[in-house]
Amino acid sequence: MRILNLIIQLRRGSDGYDTTVVPYAVRDGLENPEAALRAAVQDFLTSDTEEARQALDYSYGDFNWGDAMSFVPKFYFIGQGLTPIEEDSIDVIVVHDEMLEKPIAEDKDD
């Protein structure tokens, strides 16, 4: 199984970014998962459904990825070959330069 991780970054000024990761299982044979992701959002926005109209009104013409994750029903993504993975996940954040080798044990005979 291939997984697409949509990584959404929200700039928080000088405080850096808030990051959200939204995973999707990618249907076998889907060549361009990013294009499928974007197509799902566009399908929703151009659907002329009441939900789409409300989402566009809510965003005041500035519909973004946060809005997409809040408003686009999952069947639009599934229809494009991307199934949202909704199981609980565990995030482990590490510092790139963290030293991982074990410290040398001190001689206990001293």
PDB file of N, CA and C in Angstrom:
ATOM      1  N   MET A   1       0.839  -1.174   0.000  1.00  0.00           N
ATOM      2  CA  MET A   1       0.000   0.000   0.000  1.00  0.00           C
ATOM      3  C   MET A   1       0.887   1.241   0.000  1.00  0.00           C
ATOM      4  N   ARG A   2       0.524   2.207  -0.834  1.00  0.00           N
ATOM      5  CA  ARG A   2       1.209   3.502  -0.813  1.00  0.00           C
ATOM      6  C   ARG A   2       0.374   4.473   0.002  1.00  0.00           C
ATOM      7  N   ILE A   3       1.054   5.376   0.672  1.00  0.00           N
ATOM      8  CA  ILE A   3       0.382   6.376   1.493  1.00  0.00           C
ATOM      9  C   ILE A   3       0.824   7.755   1.032  1.00  0.00           C
ATOM     10  N   LEU A   4      -0.169   8.623   0.844  1.00  0.00           N
ATOM     11  CA  LEU A   4       0.092  10.032   0.566  1.00  0.00           C
ATOM     12  C   LEU A   4      -0.095  10.772   1.878  1.00  0.00           C
ATOM     13  N   ASN A   5       0.909  11.491   2.329  1.00  0.00           N
ATOM     14  CA  ASN A   5       0.784  12.351   3.500  1.00  0.00           C
ATOM     15  C   ASN A   5       0.644  13.779   3.020  1.00  0.00           C
ATOM     16  N   LEU A   6      -0.554  14.333   3.177  1.00  0.00           N
ATOM     17  CA  LEU A   6      -0.762  15.747   2.886  1.00  0.00           C
ATOM     18  C   LEU A   6      -0.256  16.507   4.102  1.00  0.00           C
ATOM     19  N   ILE A   7       0.765  17.312   3.911  1.00  0.00           N
ATOM     20  CA  ILE A   7       1.367  18.067   5.009  1.00  0.00           C
ATOM     21  C   ILE A   7       0.972  19.530   4.818  1.00  0.00           C
ATOM     22  N   ILE A   8       0.149  20.006   5.744  1.00  0.00           N
ATOM     23  CA  ILE A   8      -0.375  21.368   5.657  1.00  0.00           C
ATOM     24  C   ILE A   8       0.355  22.217   6.690  1.00  0.00           C
ATOM     25  N   GLN A   9       1.012  23.274   6.229  1.00  0.00           N
ATOM     26  CA  GLN A   9       1.716  24.166   7.141  1.00  0.00           C
ATOM     27  C   GLN A   9       0.995  25.497   7.214  1.00  0.00           C
ATOM     28  N   LEU A  10       0.761  25.954   8.422  1.00  0.00           N
ATOM     29  CA  LEU A  10       0.143  27.247   8.670  1.00  0.00           C
ATOM     30  C   LEU A  10       1.195  28.148   9.294  1.00  0.00           C
ATOM     31  N   ARG A  11       1.554  29.196   8.583  1.00  0.00           N
ATOM     32  CA  ARG A  11       2.583  30.112   9.082  1.00  0.00           C
ATOM     33  C   ARG A  11       2.041  30.895  10.265  1.00  0.00           C
ATOM     34  N   ARG A  12       2.812  30.907  11.331  1.00  0.00           N
ATOM     35  CA  ARG A  12       2.438  31.611  12.560  1.00  0.00           C
ATOM     36  C   ARG A  12       3.373  32.783  12.813  1.00  0.00           C
ATOM     37  N   GLY A  13       3.647  33.545  11.771  1.00  0.00           N
ATOM     38  CA  GLY A  13       4.526  34.706  11.928  1.00  0.00           C
ATOM     39  C   GLY A  13       5.909  34.294  12.372  1.00  0.00           C
ATOM     40  N   SER A  14       6.467  35.027  13.319  1.00  0.00           N
ATOM     41  CA  SER A  14       7.825  34.739  13.781  1.00  0.00           C
ATOM     42  C   SER A  14       7.891  33.472  14.629  1.00  0.00           C
ATOM     43  N   ASP A  15       6.724  32.908  14.988  1.00  0.00           N
ATOM     44  CA  ASP A  15       6.698  31.679  15.782  1.00  0.00           C
ATOM     45  C   ASP A  15       6.886  30.436  14.924  1.00  0.00           C
ATOM     46  N   GLY A  16       7.024  30.573  13.610  1.00  0.00           N
ATOM     47  CA  GLY A  16       7.230  29.434  12.730  1.00  0.00           C
ATOM     48  C   GLY A  16       5.921  28.916  12.164  1.00  0.00           C
ATOM     49  N   TYR A  17       5.810  27.597  12.063  1.00  0.00           N
ATOM     50  CA  TYR A  17       4.659  26.962  11.435  1.00  0.00           C
ATOM     51  C   TYR A  17       3.955  25.999  12.382  1.00  0.00           C
ATOM     52  N   ASP A  18       2.642  25.894  12.217  1.00  0.00           N
ATOM     53  CA  ASP A  18       1.884  24.768  12.758  1.00  0.00           C
ATOM     54  C   ASP A  18       1.743  23.797  11.598  1.00  0.00           C
ATOM     55  N   THR A  19       1.956  22.538  11.854  1.00  0.00           N
ATOM     56  CA  THR A  19       1.917  21.542  10.795  1.00  0.00           C
ATOM     57  C   THR A  19       0.864  20.498  11.107  1.00  0.00           C
ATOM     58  N   THR A  20       0.068  20.162  10.109  1.00  0.00           N
ATOM     59  CA  THR A  20      -0.932  19.110  10.203  1.00  0.00           C
ATOM     60  C   THR A  20      -0.624  18.087   9.117  1.00  0.00           C
ATOM     61  N   VAL A  21      -0.681  16.810   9.456  1.00  0.00           N
ATOM     62  CA  VAL A  21      -0.458  15.746   8.484  1.00  0.00           C
ATOM     63  C   VAL A  21      -1.758  14.969   8.330  1.00  0.00           C
ATOM     64  N   VAL A  22      -2.224  14.850   7.084  1.00  0.00           N
ATOM     65  CA  VAL A  22      -3.452  14.112   6.782  1.00  0.00           C
ATOM     66  C   VAL A  22      -3.078  12.978   5.832  1.00  0.00           C
ATOM     67  N   PRO A  23      -3.140  11.716   6.307  1.00  0.00           N
ATOM     68  CA  PRO A  23      -2.721  10.593   5.456  1.00  0.00           C
ATOM     69  C   PRO A  23      -3.876  10.006   4.643  1.00  0.00           C
ATOM     70  N   TYR A  24      -3.528   9.548   3.447  1.00  0.00           N
ATOM     71  CA  TYR A  24      -4.470   8.890   2.547  1.00  0.00           C
ATOM     72  C   TYR A  24      -3.838   7.614   2.012  1.00  0.00           C
ATOM     73  N   ALA A  25      -4.613   6.547   1.922  1.00  0.00           N
ATOM     74  CA  ALA A  25      -4.183   5.347   1.214  1.00  0.00           C
ATOM     75  C   ALA A  25      -4.403   5.610  -0.270  1.00  0.00           C
ATOM     76  N   VAL A  26      -3.415   5.288  -1.093  1.00  0.00           N
ATOM     77  CA  VAL A  26      -3.455   5.564  -2.520  1.00  0.00           C
ATOM     78  C   VAL A  26      -3.853   4.291  -3.264  1.00  0.00           C
ATOM     79  N   ARG A  27      -4.880   4.392  -4.090  1.00  0.00           N
ATOM     80  CA  ARG A  27      -5.342   3.249  -4.879  1.00  0.00           C
ATOM     81  C   ARG A  27      -4.222   2.779  -5.806  1.00  0.00           C
ATOM     82  N   ASP A  28      -4.076   1.457  -5.938  1.00  0.00           N
ATOM     83  CA  ASP A  28      -3.093   0.885  -6.856  1.00  0.00           C
ATOM     84  C   ASP A  28      -3.303   1.435  -8.256  1.00  0.00           C
ATOM     85  N   GLY A  29      -2.233   1.794  -8.890  1.00  0.00           N
ATOM     86  CA  GLY A  29      -2.291   2.294 -10.256  1.00  0.00           C
ATOM     87  C   GLY A  29      -2.468   3.796 -10.376  1.00  0.00           C
ATOM     88  N   LEU A  30      -2.751   4.481  -9.283  1.00  0.00           N
ATOM     89  CA  LEU A  30      -2.905   5.933  -9.337  1.00  0.00           C
ATOM     90  C   LEU A  30      -1.524   6.552  -9.517  1.00  0.00           C
ATOM     91  N   GLU A  31      -1.320   7.183 -10.652  1.00  0.00           N
ATOM     92  CA  GLU A  31       0.005   7.687 -11.015  1.00  0.00           C
ATOM     93  C   GLU A  31       0.382   9.003 -10.336  1.00  0.00           C
ATOM     94  N   ASN A  32      -0.588   9.894 -10.146  1.00  0.00           N
ATOM     95  CA  ASN A  32      -0.268  11.216  -9.622  1.00  0.00           C
ATOM     96  C   ASN A  32      -1.193  11.545  -8.445  1.00  0.00           C
ATOM     97  N   PRO A  33      -0.837  11.076  -7.247  1.00  0.00           N
ATOM     98  CA  PRO A  33      -1.705  11.313  -6.091  1.00  0.00           C
ATOM     99  C   PRO A  33      -1.936  12.794  -5.780  1.00  0.00           C
ATOM    100  N   GLU A  34      -0.946  13.642  -6.011  1.00  0.00           N
ATOM    101  CA  GLU A  34      -1.155  15.066  -5.740  1.00  0.00           C
ATOM    102  C   GLU A  34      -2.221  15.638  -6.670  1.00  0.00           C
ATOM    103  N   ALA A  35      -2.171  15.273  -7.945  1.00  0.00           N
ATOM    104  CA  ALA A  35      -3.191  15.748  -8.887  1.00  0.00           C
ATOM    105  C   ALA A  35      -4.569  15.233  -8.479  1.00  0.00           C
ATOM    106  N   ALA A  36      -4.647  13.998  -7.998  1.00  0.00           N
ATOM    107  CA  ALA A  36      -5.923  13.432  -7.551  1.00  0.00           C
ATOM    108  C   ALA A  36      -6.447  14.183  -6.334  1.00  0.00           C
ATOM    109  N   LEU A  37      -5.568  14.530  -5.428  1.00  0.00           N
ATOM    110  CA  LEU A  37      -5.945  15.296  -4.238  1.00  0.00           C
ATOM    111  C   LEU A  37      -6.535  16.643  -4.635  1.00  0.00           C
ATOM    112  N   ARG A  38      -5.858  17.327  -5.510  1.00  0.00           N
ATOM    113  CA  ARG A  38      -6.323  18.639  -5.963  1.00  0.00           C
ATOM    114  C   ARG A  38      -7.627  18.512  -6.767  1.00  0.00           C
ATOM    115  N   ALA A  39      -7.746  17.453  -7.557  1.00  0.00           N
ATOM    116  CA  ALA A  39      -8.970  17.238  -8.340  1.00  0.00           C
ATOM    117  C   ALA A  39     -10.168  17.000  -7.428  1.00  0.00           C
ATOM    118  N   ALA A  40      -9.965  16.284  -6.326  1.00  0.00           N
ATOM    119  CA  ALA A  40     -11.058  16.043  -5.376  1.00  0.00           C
ATOM    120  C   ALA A  40     -11.579  17.361  -4.816  1.00  0.00           C
ATOM    121  N   VAL A  41     -10.667  18.250  -4.460  1.00  0.00           N
ATOM    122  CA  VAL A  41     -11.074  19.554  -3.925  1.00  0.00           C
ATOM    123  C   VAL A  41     -11.813  20.352  -5.000  1.00  0.00           C
ATOM    124  N   GLN A  42     -11.290  20.359  -6.211  1.00  0.00           N
ATOM    125  CA  GLN A  42     -11.945  21.102  -7.289  1.00  0.00           C
ATOM    126  C   GLN A  42     -13.313  20.514  -7.621  1.00  0.00           C
ATOM    127  N   ASP A  43     -13.430  19.168  -7.586  1.00  0.00           N
ATOM    128  CA  ASP A  43     -14.735  18.539  -7.828  1.00  0.00           C
ATOM    129  C   ASP A  43     -15.764  19.037  -6.821  1.00  0.00           C
ATOM    130  N   PHE A  44     -15.336  19.126  -5.565  1.00  0.00           N
ATOM    131  CA  PHE A  44     -16.231  19.630  -4.528  1.00  0.00           C
ATOM    132  C   PHE A  44     -16.601  21.086  -4.780  1.00  0.00           C
ATOM    133  N   LEU A  45     -15.594  21.920  -5.038  1.00  0.00           N
ATOM    134  CA  LEU A  45     -15.837  23.356  -5.197  1.00  0.00           C
ATOM    135  C   LEU A  45     -16.731  23.668  -6.385  1.00  0.00           C
ATOM    136  N   THR A  46     -16.667  22.862  -7.419  1.00  0.00           N
ATOM    137  CA  THR A  46     -17.466  23.117  -8.625  1.00  0.00           C
ATOM    138  C   THR A  46     -18.753  22.287  -8.651  1.00  0.00           C
ATOM    139  N   SER A  47     -19.056  21.604  -7.554  1.00  0.00           N
ATOM    140  CA  SER A  47     -20.228  20.719  -7.519  1.00  0.00           C
ATOM    141  C   SER A  47     -21.551  21.478  -7.451  1.00  0.00           C
ATOM    142  N   ASP A  48     -21.509  22.717  -7.059  1.00  0.00           N
ATOM    143  CA  ASP A  48     -22.703  23.554  -6.896  1.00  0.00           C
ATOM    144  C   ASP A  48     -23.705  22.942  -5.908  1.00  0.00           C
ATOM    145  N   THR A  49     -23.178  22.181  -4.946  1.00  0.00           N
ATOM    146  CA  THR A  49     -24.038  21.651  -3.884  1.00  0.00           C
ATOM    147  C   THR A  49     -24.195  22.717  -2.803  1.00  0.00           C
ATOM    148  N   GLU A  50     -25.171  22.528  -1.959  1.00  0.00           N
ATOM    149  CA  GLU A  50     -25.367  23.447  -0.835  1.00  0.00           C
ATOM    150  C   GLU A  50     -24.128  23.470   0.061  1.00  0.00           C
ATOM    151  N   GLU A  51     -23.522  22.304   0.269  1.00  0.00           N
ATOM    152  CA  GLU A  51     -22.315  22.222   1.108  1.00  0.00           C
ATOM    153  C   GLU A  51     -21.168  23.028   0.507  1.00  0.00           C
ATOM    154  N   ALA A  52     -21.000  22.919  -0.804  1.00  0.00           N
ATOM    155  CA  ALA A  52     -19.925  23.665  -1.473  1.00  0.00           C
ATOM    156  C   ALA A  52     -20.182  25.167  -1.403  1.00  0.00           C
ATOM    157  N   ARG A  53     -21.410  25.557  -1.625  1.00  0.00           N
ATOM    158  CA  ARG A  53     -21.747  26.994  -1.543  1.00  0.00           C
ATOM    159  C   ARG A  53     -21.498  27.526  -0.126  1.00  0.00           C
ATOM    160  N   GLN A  54     -21.881  26.748   0.891  1.00  0.00           N
ATOM    161  CA  GLN A  54     -21.647  27.177   2.280  1.00  0.00           C
ATOM    162  C   GLN A  54     -20.157  27.276   2.573  1.00  0.00           C
ATOM    163  N   ALA A  55     -19.378  26.315   2.075  1.00  0.00           N
ATOM    164  CA  ALA A  55     -17.930  26.337   2.308  1.00  0.00           C
ATOM    165  C   ALA A  55     -17.298  27.563   1.662  1.00  0.00           C
ATOM    166  N   LEU A  56     -17.717  27.871   0.451  1.00  0.00           N
ATOM    167  CA  LEU A  56     -17.179  29.051  -0.234  1.00  0.00           C
ATOM    168  C   LEU A  56     -17.606  30.341   0.461  1.00  0.00           C
ATOM    169  N   ASP A  57     -18.856  30.395   0.930  1.00  0.00           N
ATOM    170  CA  ASP A  57     -19.307  31.570   1.679  1.00  0.00           C
ATOM    171  C   ASP A  57     -18.500  31.724   2.966  1.00  0.00           C
ATOM    172  N   TYR A  58     -18.276  30.609   3.662  1.00  0.00           N
ATOM    173  CA  TYR A  58     -17.535  30.633   4.921  1.00  0.00           C
ATOM    174  C   TYR A  58     -16.115  31.180   4.723  1.00  0.00           C
ATOM    175  N   SER A  59     -15.508  30.808   3.606  1.00  0.00           N
ATOM    176  CA  SER A  59     -14.108  31.191   3.367  1.00  0.00           C
ATOM    177  C   SER A  59     -13.968  32.568   2.711  1.00  0.00           C
ATOM    178  N   TYR A  60     -15.082  33.222   2.425  1.00  0.00           N
ATOM    179  CA  TYR A  60     -15.056  34.558   1.808  1.00  0.00           C
ATOM    180  C   TYR A  60     -14.166  34.603   0.561  1.00  0.00           C
ATOM    181  N   GLY A  61     -14.249  33.557  -0.258  1.00  0.00           N
ATOM    182  CA  GLY A  61     -13.472  33.533  -1.490  1.00  0.00           C
ATOM    183  C   GLY A  61     -12.008  33.203  -1.306  1.00  0.00           C
ATOM    184  N   ASP A  62     -11.622  32.772  -0.116  1.00  0.00           N
ATOM    185  CA  ASP A  62     -10.220  32.434   0.173  1.00  0.00           C
ATOM    186  C   ASP A  62     -10.144  30.989   0.654  1.00  0.00           C
ATOM    187  N   PHE A  63     -10.729  30.072  -0.107  1.00  0.00           N
ATOM    188  CA  PHE A  63     -10.792  28.660   0.257  1.00  0.00           C
ATOM    189  C   PHE A  63      -9.381  28.082   0.221  1.00  0.00           C
ATOM    190  N   ASN A  64      -8.942  27.537   1.355  1.00  0.00           N
ATOM    191  CA  ASN A  64      -7.573  27.033   1.460  1.00  0.00           C
ATOM    192  C   ASN A  64      -7.582  25.579   1.939  1.00  0.00           C
ATOM    193  N   TRP A  65      -6.403  25.022   2.206  1.00  0.00           N
ATOM    194  CA  TRP A  65      -6.306  23.611   2.600  1.00  0.00           C
ATOM    195  C   TRP A  65      -6.975  23.344   3.940  1.00  0.00           C
ATOM    196  N   GLY A  66      -6.930  24.287   4.849  1.00  0.00           N
ATOM    197  CA  GLY A  66      -7.643  24.103   6.114  1.00  0.00           C
ATOM    198  C   GLY A  66      -9.136  23.974   5.886  1.00  0.00           C
ATOM    199  N   ASP A  67      -9.663  24.822   5.001  1.00  0.00           N
ATOM    200  CA  ASP A  67     -11.076  24.730   4.644  1.00  0.00           C
ATOM    201  C   ASP A  67     -11.378  23.404   3.959  1.00  0.00           C
ATOM    202  N   ALA A  68     -10.489  22.981   3.069  1.00  0.00           N
ATOM    203  CA  ALA A  68     -10.702  21.716   2.356  1.00  0.00           C
ATOM    204  C   ALA A  68     -10.813  20.555   3.335  1.00  0.00           C
ATOM    205  N   MET A  69      -9.960  20.540   4.345  1.00  0.00           N
ATOM    206  CA  MET A  69      -9.993  19.434   5.309  1.00  0.00           C
ATOM    207  C   MET A  69     -11.244  19.500   6.185  1.00  0.00           C
ATOM    208  N   SER A  70     -11.792  20.694   6.340  1.00  0.00           N
ATOM    209  CA  SER A  70     -12.998  20.856   7.154  1.00  0.00           C
ATOM    210  C   SER A  70     -14.282  20.593   6.374  1.00  0.00           C
ATOM    211  N   PHE A  71     -14.295  20.917   5.095  1.00  0.00           N
ATOM    212  CA  PHE A  71     -15.544  20.908   4.346  1.00  0.00           C
ATOM    213  C   PHE A  71     -15.691  19.825   3.284  1.00  0.00           C
ATOM    214  N   VAL A  72     -14.604  19.401   2.649  1.00  0.00           N
ATOM    215  CA  VAL A  72     -14.737  18.462   1.527  1.00  0.00           C
ATOM    216  C   VAL A  72     -15.064  17.069   2.068  1.00  0.00           C
ATOM    217  N   PRO A  73     -16.229  16.528   1.699  1.00  0.00           N
ATOM    218  CA  PRO A  73     -16.579  15.180   2.153  1.00  0.00           C
ATOM    219  C   PRO A  73     -15.581  14.144   1.623  1.00  0.00           C
ATOM    220  N   LYS A  74     -15.331  13.130   2.427  1.00  0.00           N
ATOM    221  CA  LYS A  74     -14.295  12.163   2.060  1.00  0.00           C
ATOM    222  C   LYS A  74     -14.604  11.411   0.777  1.00  0.00           C
ATOM    223  N   PHE A  75     -15.884  11.314   0.376  1.00  0.00           N
ATOM    224  CA  PHE A  75     -16.179  10.568  -0.846  1.00  0.00           C
ATOM    225  C   PHE A  75     -15.593  11.232  -2.090  1.00  0.00           C
ATOM    226  N   TYR A  76     -15.311  12.541  -2.030  1.00  0.00           N
ATOM    227  CA  TYR A  76     -14.651  13.193  -3.158  1.00  0.00           C
ATOM    228  C   TYR A  76     -13.213  12.678  -3.297  1.00  0.00           C
ATOM    229  N   PHE A  77     -12.540  12.490  -2.175  1.00  0.00           N
ATOM    230  CA  PHE A  77     -11.177  11.959  -2.201  1.00  0.00           C
ATOM    231  C   PHE A  77     -11.186  10.492  -2.621  1.00  0.00           C
ATOM    232  N   ILE A  78     -12.124   9.729  -2.063  1.00  0.00           N
ATOM    233  CA  ILE A  78     -12.222   8.307  -2.398  1.00  0.00           C
ATOM    234  C   ILE A  78     -12.471   8.139  -3.897  1.00  0.00           C
ATOM    235  N   GLY A  79     -13.323   8.987  -4.462  1.00  0.00           N
ATOM    236  CA  GLY A  79     -13.608   8.928  -5.885  1.00  0.00           C
ATOM    237  C   GLY A  79     -12.390   9.181  -6.757  1.00  0.00           C
ATOM    238  N   GLN A  80     -11.398   9.853  -6.209  1.00  0.00           N
ATOM    239  CA  GLN A  80     -10.155  10.127  -6.945  1.00  0.00           C
ATOM    240  C   GLN A  80      -9.069   9.095  -6.619  1.00  0.00           C
ATOM    241  N   GLY A  81      -9.419   8.090  -5.818  1.00  0.00           N
ATOM    242  CA  GLY A  81      -8.445   7.044  -5.499  1.00  0.00           C
ATOM    243  C   GLY A  81      -7.654   7.271  -4.232  1.00  0.00           C
ATOM    244  N   LEU A  82      -8.132   8.171  -3.369  1.00  0.00           N
ATOM    245  CA  LEU A  82      -7.441   8.492  -2.115  1.00  0.00           C
ATOM    246  C   LEU A  82      -8.399   8.248  -0.953  1.00  0.00           C
ATOM    247  N   THR A  83      -8.107   7.247  -0.145  1.00  0.00           N
ATOM    248  CA  THR A  83      -8.962   6.930   0.992  1.00  0.00           C
ATOM    249  C   THR A  83      -8.343   7.505   2.264  1.00  0.00           C
ATOM    250  N   PRO A  84      -9.054   8.409   2.942  1.00  0.00           N
ATOM    251  CA  PRO A  84      -8.506   8.959   4.180  1.00  0.00           C
ATOM    252  C   PRO A  84      -8.219   7.848   5.186  1.00  0.00           C
ATOM    253  N   ILE A  85      -7.077   7.932   5.819  1.00  0.00           N
ATOM    254  CA  ILE A  85      -6.710   6.987   6.880  1.00  0.00           C
ATOM    255  C   ILE A  85      -7.084   7.661   8.186  1.00  0.00           C
ATOM    256  N   GLU A  86      -8.078   7.107   8.846  1.00  0.00           N
ATOM    257  CA  GLU A  86      -8.627   7.782  10.023  1.00  0.00           C
ATOM    258  C   GLU A  86      -8.251   7.111  11.336  1.00  0.00           C
ATOM    259  N   GLU A  87      -7.391   6.110  11.290  1.00  0.00           N
ATOM    260  CA  GLU A  87      -6.956   5.488  12.528  1.00  0.00           C
ATOM    261  C   GLU A  87      -6.065   6.441  13.315  1.00  0.00           C
ATOM    262  N   ASP A  88      -5.971   6.207  14.605  1.00  0.00           N
ATOM    263  CA  ASP A  88      -5.083   7.008  15.433  1.00  0.00           C
ATOM    264  C   ASP A  88      -3.642   6.781  15.001  1.00  0.00           C
ATOM    265  N   SER A  89      -2.867   7.828  15.055  1.00  0.00           N
ATOM    266  CA  SER A  89      -1.450   7.708  14.740  1.00  0.00           C
ATOM    267  C   SER A  89      -0.654   8.271  15.909  1.00  0.00           C
ATOM    268  N   ILE A  90       0.597   7.945  15.920  1.00  0.00           N
ATOM    269  CA  ILE A  90       1.505   8.433  16.952  1.00  0.00           C
ATOM    270  C   ILE A  90       2.576   9.248  16.248  1.00  0.00           C
ATOM    271  N   ASP A  91       2.741  10.489  16.671  1.00  0.00           N
ATOM    272  CA  ASP A  91       3.774  11.346  16.103  1.00  0.00           C
ATOM    273  C   ASP A  91       5.001  11.287  17.003  1.00  0.00           C
ATOM    274  N   VAL A  92       6.137  11.073  16.399  1.00  0.00           N
ATOM    275  CA  VAL A  92       7.411  11.120  17.106  1.00  0.00           C
ATOM    276  C   VAL A  92       8.230  12.206  16.429  1.00  0.00           C
ATOM    277  N   ILE A  93       8.553  13.229  17.166  1.00  0.00           N
ATOM    278  CA  ILE A  93       9.337  14.338  16.623  1.00  0.00           C
ATOM    279  C   ILE A  93      10.730  14.254  17.222  1.00  0.00           C
ATOM    280  N   VAL A  94      11.727  14.250  16.356  1.00  0.00           N
ATOM    281  CA  VAL A  94      13.107  14.178  16.814  1.00  0.00           C
ATOM    282  C   VAL A  94      13.891  15.346  16.232  1.00  0.00           C
ATOM    283  N   VAL A  95      14.991  15.657  16.859  1.00  0.00           N
ATOM    284  CA  VAL A  95      15.890  16.698  16.376  1.00  0.00           C
ATOM    285  C   VAL A  95      16.906  16.031  15.456  1.00  0.00           C
ATOM    286  N   HIS A  96      17.030  16.538  14.253  1.00  0.00           N
ATOM    287  CA  HIS A  96      17.906  15.946  13.242  1.00  0.00           C
ATOM    288  C   HIS A  96      19.294  15.645  13.781  1.00  0.00           C
ATOM    289  N   ASP A  97      19.883  16.566  14.506  1.00  0.00           N
ATOM    290  CA  ASP A  97      21.268  16.421  14.950  1.00  0.00           C
ATOM    291  C   ASP A  97      21.416  15.735  16.302  1.00  0.00           C
ATOM    292  N   GLU A  98      20.371  15.136  16.811  1.00  0.00           N
ATOM    293  CA  GLU A  98      20.459  14.413  18.083  1.00  0.00           C
ATOM    294  C   GLU A  98      21.490  13.294  17.976  1.00  0.00           C
ATOM    295  N   MET A  99      22.350  13.188  18.967  1.00  0.00           N
ATOM    296  CA  MET A  99      23.376  12.150  18.977  1.00  0.00           C
ATOM    297  C   MET A  99      22.735  10.843  19.452  1.00  0.00           C
ATOM    298  N   LEU A 100      22.863   9.797  18.660  1.00  0.00           N
ATOM    299  CA  LEU A 100      22.152   8.557  18.957  1.00  0.00           C
ATOM    300  C   LEU A 100      23.045   7.423  19.452  1.00  0.00           C
ATOM    301  N   GLU A 101      24.353   7.552  19.322  1.00  0.00           N
ATOM    302  CA  GLU A 101      25.200   6.473  19.821  1.00  0.00           C
ATOM    303  C   GLU A 101      25.187   6.452  21.338  1.00  0.00           C
ATOM    304  N   LYS A 102      25.329   5.270  21.878  1.00  0.00           N
ATOM    305  CA  LYS A 102      25.311   5.133  23.337  1.00  0.00           C
ATOM    306  C   LYS A 102      26.560   5.773  23.925  1.00  0.00           C
ATOM    307  N   PRO A 103      26.392   6.428  25.073  1.00  0.00           N
ATOM    308  CA  PRO A 103      27.578   6.981  25.721  1.00  0.00           C
ATOM    309  C   PRO A 103      28.487   5.840  26.178  1.00  0.00           C
ATOM    310  N   ILE A 104      29.787   6.097  26.183  1.00  0.00           N
ATOM    311  CA  ILE A 104      30.739   5.082  26.634  1.00  0.00           C
ATOM    312  C   ILE A 104      30.584   4.909  28.126  1.00  0.00           C
ATOM    313  N   ALA A 105      30.393   3.662  28.553  1.00  0.00           N
ATOM    314  CA  ALA A 105      30.199   3.371  29.978  1.00  0.00           C
ATOM    315  C   ALA A 105      31.477   3.692  30.736  1.00  0.00           C
ATOM    316  N   GLU A 106      31.306   4.323  31.898  1.00  0.00           N
ATOM    317  CA  GLU A 106      32.457   4.640  32.712  1.00  0.00           C
ATOM    318  C   GLU A 106      32.966   3.354  33.373  1.00  0.00           C
ATOM    319  N   ASP A 107      34.288   3.295  33.561  1.00  0.00           N
ATOM    320  CA  ASP A 107      34.898   2.132  34.190  1.00  0.00           C
ATOM    321  C   ASP A 107      34.449   2.074  35.638  1.00  0.00           C
ATOM    322  N   LYS A 108      33.792   0.995  36.047  1.00  0.00           N
ATOM    323  CA  LYS A 108      33.232   0.891  37.404  1.00  0.00           C
ATOM    324  C   LYS A 108      34.282   0.496  38.426  1.00  0.00           C
ATOM    325  N   ASP A 109      35.504   0.188  37.999  1.00  0.00           N
ATOM    326  CA  ASP A 109      36.558  -0.215  38.933  1.00  0.00           C
ATOM    327  C   ASP A 109      37.238   0.995  39.559  1.00  0.00           C
ATOM    328  N   ASP A 110      36.988   2.184  39.107  1.00  0.00           N
ATOM    329  CA  ASP A 110      37.666   3.387  39.636  1.00  0.00           C
ATOM    330  C   ASP A 110      37.110   3.787  40.968  1.00  0.00           C
TER     331      ASP A 110
END
